[in-house]
Amino acid sequence: MKRPLSPPARLLLLTLVMVGWGPWTPLRAQSGEGQVGLPLGTAAPEALLEDLNGDAVDLGDYVGGRPTLIEFWATWCENCEALQPQLDEIQRRYGDEVTIVAVAVAVSQSVRRVRRHLEDHDPGYPYLYDARGEAVRAYKAPTTSVVVILDAEGKVAYTGVGRGQDLVAAVEKVLAASSSPLEPPGPMPHAHE
């Protein structure tokens, strides 16, 4: 007799089906840029999450005005742990120029477990809890260690998955693009006397 799926397993399966991924559809990339989730140039979707106190938070409140890095994260994710030194480096070097947000997926972890993790390592940026999988679905994040970097206008400038990502270089590229003018200034008109 088959055992029914546990609630976290059902949520994971439902999430994977909703984002169009499952064992029948190979993950488009194990790591790398622009190979998972939303297409580059897509406007950041809306998603309602919770802070670690259980209060409703709109992920869109963290988007716009400057680049935003969003990591889909879990305490049990080894790839997330491998990416942490890069996120710490980005926070240290570019924390005034880039917003970092960790989206704690609700699969096999609780808010309490996330809080315990932050007691040992608080990187200085917010962790939001995706209790209903809304951000996972909106950003089409098929697994943890998916990173999405949005430009200052809130458009997807980078996506990647896995420990092989070079997040520092990706952030530097997005910052360089946002600081360069779109058009070089034209010649000044001459005044006629």
Protein backbone atom coordinates (compact mmCIF):
# COMPACT_ATOMS: atom_id res chain seq x y z
CA MET A 1 0.00 0.00 0.00
CA LYS A 2 1.33 3.44 -0.95
CA ARG A 3 1.73 6.04 1.78
CA PRO A 4 0.13 9.41 1.08
CA LEU A 5 2.51 12.31 0.54
CA SER A 6 3.25 14.49 3.54
CA PRO A 7 2.01 18.11 3.38
CA PRO A 8 5.52 19.50 2.63
CA ALA A 9 6.02 16.89 -0.12
CA ARG A 10 2.61 17.75 -1.62
CA LEU A 11 3.49 21.47 -1.56
CA LEU A 12 6.81 20.78 -3.30
CA LEU A 13 5.15 18.61 -5.94
CA LEU A 14 2.42 21.20 -6.51
CA THR A 15 5.02 23.97 -6.77
CA LEU A 16 7.10 22.00 -9.27
CA VAL A 17 4.05 21.26 -11.41
CA MET A 18 2.95 24.91 -11.31
CA VAL A 19 6.35 26.18 -12.45
CA GLY A 20 6.47 23.58 -15.18
CA TRP A 21 9.15 21.31 -13.80
CA GLY A 22 9.09 17.71 -12.77
CA PRO A 23 10.97 14.49 -13.31
CA TRP A 24 9.57 14.41 -16.83
CA THR A 25 11.06 17.83 -17.66
CA PRO A 26 14.82 18.19 -17.12
CA LEU A 27 15.98 21.28 -15.27
CA ARG A 28 17.27 23.65 -17.91
CA ALA A 29 20.57 24.25 -16.10
CA GLN A 30 22.47 23.08 -13.09
CA SER A 31 24.14 26.47 -12.83
CA GLY A 32 24.75 29.49 -14.95
CA GLU A 33 23.27 32.72 -16.07
CA GLY A 34 19.86 33.23 -17.61
CA GLN A 35 19.02 29.55 -17.64
CA VAL A 36 16.28 29.12 -15.06
CA GLY A 37 13.06 30.86 -14.07
CA LEU A 38 11.84 34.07 -15.63
CA PRO A 39 13.29 35.29 -18.95
CA LEU A 40 15.73 38.20 -18.83
CA GLY A 41 13.97 41.55 -19.16
CA THR A 42 10.77 40.35 -17.45
CA ALA A 43 9.27 42.79 -14.94
CA ALA A 44 9.41 41.56 -11.35
CA PRO A 45 6.17 39.79 -10.50
CA GLU A 46 4.17 40.48 -7.36
CA ALA A 47 4.26 38.02 -4.48
CA LEU A 48 2.93 38.21 -0.94
CA LEU A 49 5.13 36.60 1.70
CA GLU A 50 5.50 36.78 5.47
CA ASP A 51 8.25 38.22 7.56
CA LEU A 52 9.57 36.02 10.36
CA ASN A 53 6.95 37.50 12.73
CA GLY A 54 4.11 36.26 10.51
CA ASP A 55 3.22 39.70 9.13
CA ALA A 56 2.31 39.99 5.44
CA VAL A 57 5.06 41.47 3.25
CA ASP A 58 4.97 42.35 -0.44
CA LEU A 59 8.20 41.23 -2.14
CA GLY A 60 7.69 44.18 -4.49
CA ASP A 61 8.49 46.54 -1.59
CA TYR A 62 12.13 45.45 -1.94
CA VAL A 63 12.25 46.03 -5.70
CA GLY A 64 13.06 49.20 -7.63
CA GLY A 65 15.32 52.18 -7.24
CA ARG A 66 18.40 49.98 -7.08
CA PRO A 67 19.27 46.40 -8.05
CA THR A 68 17.75 43.58 -5.97
CA LEU A 69 19.18 40.09 -5.49
CA ILE A 70 16.63 37.44 -4.49
CA GLU A 71 17.76 33.98 -3.43
CA PHE A 72 15.30 31.11 -3.05
CA TRP A 73 16.76 29.53 0.06
CA ALA A 74 16.36 26.77 2.65
CA THR A 75 18.24 25.80 5.80
CA TRP A 76 18.77 22.30 4.38
CA CYS A 77 20.06 23.47 0.97
CA GLU A 78 23.75 22.64 0.52
CA ASN A 79 23.97 24.78 -2.62
CA CYS A 80 22.58 27.74 -0.67
CA GLU A 81 25.24 27.17 1.99
CA ALA A 82 27.92 27.11 -0.73
CA LEU A 83 26.63 30.44 -2.12
CA GLN A 84 26.57 32.14 1.30
CA PRO A 85 30.18 33.47 1.20
CA GLN A 86 29.40 35.25 -2.06
CA LEU A 87 26.20 36.74 -0.62
CA ASP A 88 28.16 37.87 2.45
CA GLU A 89 30.74 39.49 0.16
CA ILE A 90 28.03 41.26 -1.88
CA GLN A 91 26.39 42.51 1.32
CA ARG A 92 29.74 43.74 2.66
CA ARG A 93 30.89 45.43 -0.56
CA TYR A 94 27.62 46.54 -2.16
CA GLY A 95 25.06 46.57 0.66
CA ASP A 96 24.44 50.29 0.10
CA GLU A 97 23.86 49.77 -3.63
CA VAL A 98 22.06 46.41 -3.82
CA THR A 99 19.10 45.03 -1.86
CA ILE A 100 19.44 41.36 -0.94
CA VAL A 101 16.42 39.30 0.08
CA ALA A 102 16.37 35.60 0.99
CA VAL A 103 13.06 33.91 0.23
CA ALA A 104 12.81 30.97 2.63
CA VAL A 105 10.80 28.29 0.89
CA ALA A 106 8.25 26.47 3.05
CA VAL A 107 9.35 22.97 2.02
CA SER A 108 10.72 20.98 4.97
CA GLN A 109 11.40 24.04 7.09
CA SER A 110 9.48 26.23 9.47
CA VAL A 111 9.78 29.87 10.48
CA ARG A 112 11.25 28.63 13.77
CA ARG A 113 13.97 26.74 11.92
CA VAL A 114 14.81 29.83 9.84
CA ARG A 115 15.01 31.95 13.01
CA ARG A 116 17.36 29.40 14.62
CA HIS A 117 19.58 29.56 11.55
CA LEU A 118 19.71 33.36 11.77
CA GLU A 119 20.78 33.19 15.42
CA ASP A 120 24.01 31.57 14.21
CA HIS A 121 24.44 33.58 11.02
CA ASP A 122 22.57 36.84 10.43
CA PRO A 123 23.94 38.29 7.18
CA GLY A 124 22.22 41.66 7.63
CA TYR A 125 19.48 41.35 5.03
CA PRO A 126 15.87 40.19 5.33
CA TYR A 127 14.62 36.62 5.19
CA LEU A 128 11.01 36.32 4.10
CA TYR A 129 8.94 33.15 4.47
CA ASP A 130 7.10 31.88 1.40
CA ALA A 131 4.41 29.95 3.31
CA ARG A 132 2.12 29.40 0.31
CA GLY A 133 4.76 29.16 -2.42
CA GLU A 134 3.57 32.39 -4.01
CA ALA A 135 7.06 33.76 -4.74
CA VAL A 136 8.26 30.35 -5.95
CA ARG A 137 5.42 30.24 -8.48
CA ALA A 138 5.70 33.90 -9.49
CA TYR A 139 9.45 33.68 -10.12
CA LYS A 140 9.25 30.14 -11.57
CA ALA A 141 11.91 28.91 -9.14
CA PRO A 142 11.97 25.11 -9.52
CA THR A 143 14.37 24.51 -6.64
CA THR A 144 16.41 26.21 -3.95
CA SER A 145 19.66 28.08 -4.75
CA VAL A 146 17.85 29.89 -7.57
CA VAL A 147 19.08 33.49 -7.67
CA VAL A 148 17.31 36.30 -9.50
CA ILE A 149 18.92 39.71 -9.83
CA LEU A 150 16.64 42.56 -10.81
CA ASP A 151 17.97 45.82 -12.18
CA ALA A 152 17.10 49.20 -10.67
CA GLU A 153 13.92 49.29 -12.78
CA GLY A 154 12.76 45.94 -11.39
CA LYS A 155 13.45 43.87 -14.50
CA VAL A 156 15.16 40.49 -14.47
CA ALA A 157 18.84 41.02 -15.32
CA TYR A 158 20.20 37.65 -14.14
CA THR A 159 18.95 34.21 -13.19
CA GLY A 160 20.94 31.19 -12.15
CA VAL A 161 20.82 28.08 -10.04
CA GLY A 162 23.30 26.05 -8.04
CA ARG A 163 26.63 26.51 -6.37
CA GLY A 164 28.53 27.28 -9.60
CA GLN A 165 27.13 30.81 -9.96
CA ASP A 166 29.46 33.81 -9.86
CA LEU A 167 27.11 36.14 -8.03
CA VAL A 168 29.71 38.82 -7.30
CA ALA A 169 30.44 39.21 -11.02
CA ALA A 170 26.71 39.18 -11.83
CA VAL A 171 26.02 41.96 -9.31
CA GLU A 172 28.97 43.98 -10.59
CA LYS A 173 27.67 43.63 -14.15
CA VAL A 174 24.18 44.80 -13.15
CA LEU A 175 25.63 47.72 -11.16
CA ALA A 176 27.83 48.75 -14.09
CA ALA A 177 24.86 48.63 -16.47
CA SER A 178 22.71 50.70 -14.11
CA SER A 179 25.38 53.37 -13.66
CA SER A 180 26.18 53.84 -17.35
CA PRO A 181 24.06 56.35 -19.20
CA LEU A 182 21.69 55.00 -21.82
CA GLU A 183 22.85 57.53 -24.41
CA PRO A 184 26.00 59.58 -24.42
CA PRO A 185 25.23 63.26 -24.11
CA GLY A 186 25.05 65.06 -27.47
CA PRO A 187 26.98 68.18 -28.36
CA MET A 188 25.98 71.34 -26.60
CA PRO A 189 24.12 73.82 -28.83
CA HIS A 190 26.12 76.90 -29.75
CA ALA A 191 24.84 80.24 -28.57
CA HIS A 192 24.50 82.87 -31.30
CA GLU A 193 25.14 86.42 -30.38
